[in-house]
């Protein structure tokens, strides 16, 4: 009886080992498919070495991209701050005339004609207008 039981244990271990090998082969196939294209077939240790090197390379690229992202975010933030300069409007009463000065930031999209139209709609007569860049 002991022999029968021992034989069934041995068969059971063989089946478990066979399933383990199939599973490992499947995992190595998946790993191989994730690596850059290879011209020749590799052994398992070569594949693991290449996968390790490839992961390190990808980590380096990721760090580089993170640095670029931070740098671009800073640049965008600086540009936003420049755009956030509020316009300054100075009006001087010169008796029968008004002198109107409008100062805007460099990055503000502004049409002088729109401002002049608003003044005219309010009843102002525009004698002269100048724009400095």
Protein backbone atom coordinates (compact mmCIF):
# COMPACT_ATOMS: atom_id res chain seq x y z
CA UNK A 1 0.00 0.00 0.00
CA UNK A 2 2.85 2.28 0.71
CA UNK A 3 4.17 1.81 -2.83
CA UNK A 4 0.81 2.77 -4.34
CA UNK A 5 0.58 5.84 -2.20
CA UNK A 6 4.19 6.84 -2.95
CA UNK A 7 3.64 6.36 -6.69
CA UNK A 8 0.56 8.58 -6.67
CA UNK A 9 2.50 11.25 -4.72
CA UNK A 10 5.29 11.08 -7.31
CA UNK A 11 2.79 11.43 -10.19
CA UNK A 12 1.14 14.33 -8.38
CA UNK A 13 4.52 16.09 -7.97
CA UNK A 14 5.29 15.50 -11.66
CA UNK A 15 1.98 17.09 -12.65
CA UNK A 16 2.57 20.05 -10.37
CA UNK A 17 6.09 20.49 -11.77
CA UNK A 18 4.81 20.24 -15.36
CA UNK A 19 2.18 22.94 -14.66
CA UNK A 20 4.83 25.13 -13.02
CA UNK A 21 7.08 24.82 -16.09
CA UNK A 22 4.16 25.65 -18.42
CA UNK A 23 3.34 28.68 -16.32
CA UNK A 24 6.98 29.85 -16.30
CA UNK A 25 7.21 29.38 -20.08
CA UNK A 26 4.07 31.48 -20.50
CA UNK A 27 5.51 34.21 -18.24
CA UNK A 28 8.83 34.26 -20.13
CA UNK A 29 6.93 34.51 -23.43
CA UNK A 30 5.03 37.53 -22.08
CA UNK A 31 8.28 39.07 -20.84
CA UNK A 32 9.93 38.52 -24.20
CA UNK A 33 7.00 40.20 -25.98
CA UNK A 34 7.48 43.33 -23.84
CA UNK A 35 11.15 43.73 -24.75
CA UNK A 36 12.36 45.64 -27.80
CA UNK A 37 12.42 43.47 -30.91
CA UNK A 38 15.33 40.99 -30.98
CA UNK A 39 16.86 39.46 -34.06
CA UNK A 40 17.99 36.25 -32.35
CA UNK A 41 16.45 33.95 -29.83
CA UNK A 42 17.69 34.48 -26.27
CA UNK A 43 18.20 32.16 -23.38
CA UNK A 44 16.17 32.81 -20.25
CA UNK A 45 19.10 34.42 -18.34
CA UNK A 46 19.85 36.68 -21.32
CA UNK A 47 16.19 37.66 -21.50
CA UNK A 48 16.09 38.49 -17.78
CA UNK A 49 19.30 40.54 -18.11
CA UNK A 50 17.90 42.43 -21.07
CA UNK A 51 14.58 43.00 -19.31
CA UNK A 52 16.43 44.39 -16.28
CA UNK A 53 18.49 46.74 -18.46
CA UNK A 54 15.39 47.81 -20.38
CA UNK A 55 13.46 48.59 -17.19
CA UNK A 56 16.39 50.69 -15.93
CA UNK A 57 16.49 52.54 -19.25
CA UNK A 58 12.75 53.22 -19.04
CA UNK A 59 13.14 54.48 -15.47
CA UNK A 60 15.84 56.88 -16.66
CA UNK A 61 13.60 58.14 -19.45
CA UNK A 62 10.74 58.55 -16.97
CA UNK A 63 12.90 60.68 -14.67
CA UNK A 64 14.03 62.75 -17.64
CA UNK A 65 10.42 63.30 -18.73
CA UNK A 66 9.41 64.23 -15.19
CA UNK A 67 12.14 66.87 -15.17
CA UNK A 68 10.98 68.21 -18.52
CA UNK A 69 7.40 68.31 -17.25
CA UNK A 70 8.40 70.31 -14.16
CA UNK A 71 10.39 72.71 -16.32
CA UNK A 72 7.46 73.20 -18.72
CA UNK A 73 5.05 73.74 -15.83
CA UNK A 74 7.34 76.45 -14.43
CA UNK A 75 7.55 78.10 -17.86
CA UNK A 76 3.75 78.05 -18.21
CA UNK A 77 3.33 79.49 -14.73
CA UNK A 78 5.75 82.31 -15.52
CA UNK A 79 3.88 83.09 -18.74
CA UNK A 80 0.57 83.12 -16.88
CA UNK A 81 2.00 85.59 -14.35
CA UNK A 82 3.15 87.89 -17.15
CA UNK A 83 -0.31 87.82 -18.67
CA UNK A 84 -1.90 88.62 -15.34
CA UNK A 85 -0.55 92.20 -15.32
CA UNK A 86 -3.69 94.25 -14.94
CA UNK A 87 -4.25 97.18 -17.26
CA UNK A 88 -3.77 100.65 -15.77
CA UNK A 89 -6.13 103.42 -16.85
CA UNK A 90 -5.17 107.05 -16.13
CA UNK A 91 -7.59 109.87 -16.92
CA UNK A 92 -6.54 113.55 -16.62
CA UNK A 93 -9.03 116.38 -16.81
CA UNK A 94 -7.60 119.19 -18.96
CA UNK A 95 -10.60 121.49 -18.80
CA UNK A 96 -12.56 120.86 -22.01
CA UNK A 97 -10.43 117.83 -22.85
CA UNK A 98 -9.61 114.56 -21.18
CA UNK A 99 -6.29 112.81 -21.55
CA UNK A 100 -6.74 109.03 -21.31
CA UNK A 101 -3.74 106.71 -20.93
CA UNK A 102 -4.20 102.97 -20.95
CA UNK A 103 -1.19 100.81 -20.04
CA UNK A 104 -1.33 97.06 -20.56
CA UNK A 105 1.17 94.21 -20.26
CA UNK A 106 3.10 93.00 -23.29
CA UNK A 107 1.28 89.69 -23.51
CA UNK A 108 -2.25 91.05 -23.22
CA UNK A 109 -4.17 90.74 -26.45
CA UNK A 110 -5.79 94.12 -26.74
CA UNK A 111 -7.29 96.02 -29.64
CA UNK A 112 -6.90 99.79 -29.35
CA UNK A 113 -9.84 100.18 -31.73
CA UNK A 114 -12.12 98.41 -29.23
CA UNK A 115 -11.14 100.89 -26.53
CA UNK A 116 -11.69 103.84 -28.87
CA UNK A 117 -15.12 102.49 -29.86
CA UNK A 118 -16.13 102.30 -26.19
CA UNK A 119 -15.08 105.93 -25.63
CA UNK A 120 -17.01 107.05 -28.73
CA UNK A 121 -20.11 105.14 -27.60
CA UNK A 122 -19.92 107.16 -24.37
CA UNK A 123 -19.95 110.39 -26.39
CA UNK A 124 -16.26 111.23 -26.54
CA UNK A 125 -14.67 112.83 -29.59
CA UNK A 126 -11.25 111.32 -30.21
CA UNK A 127 -8.76 113.95 -31.35
CA UNK A 128 -5.70 111.70 -31.47
CA UNK A 129 -4.62 108.22 -30.49
CA UNK A 130 -1.19 106.68 -30.28
CA UNK A 131 0.02 103.18 -29.58
CA UNK A 132 3.50 102.29 -28.34
CA UNK A 133 4.90 98.74 -28.46
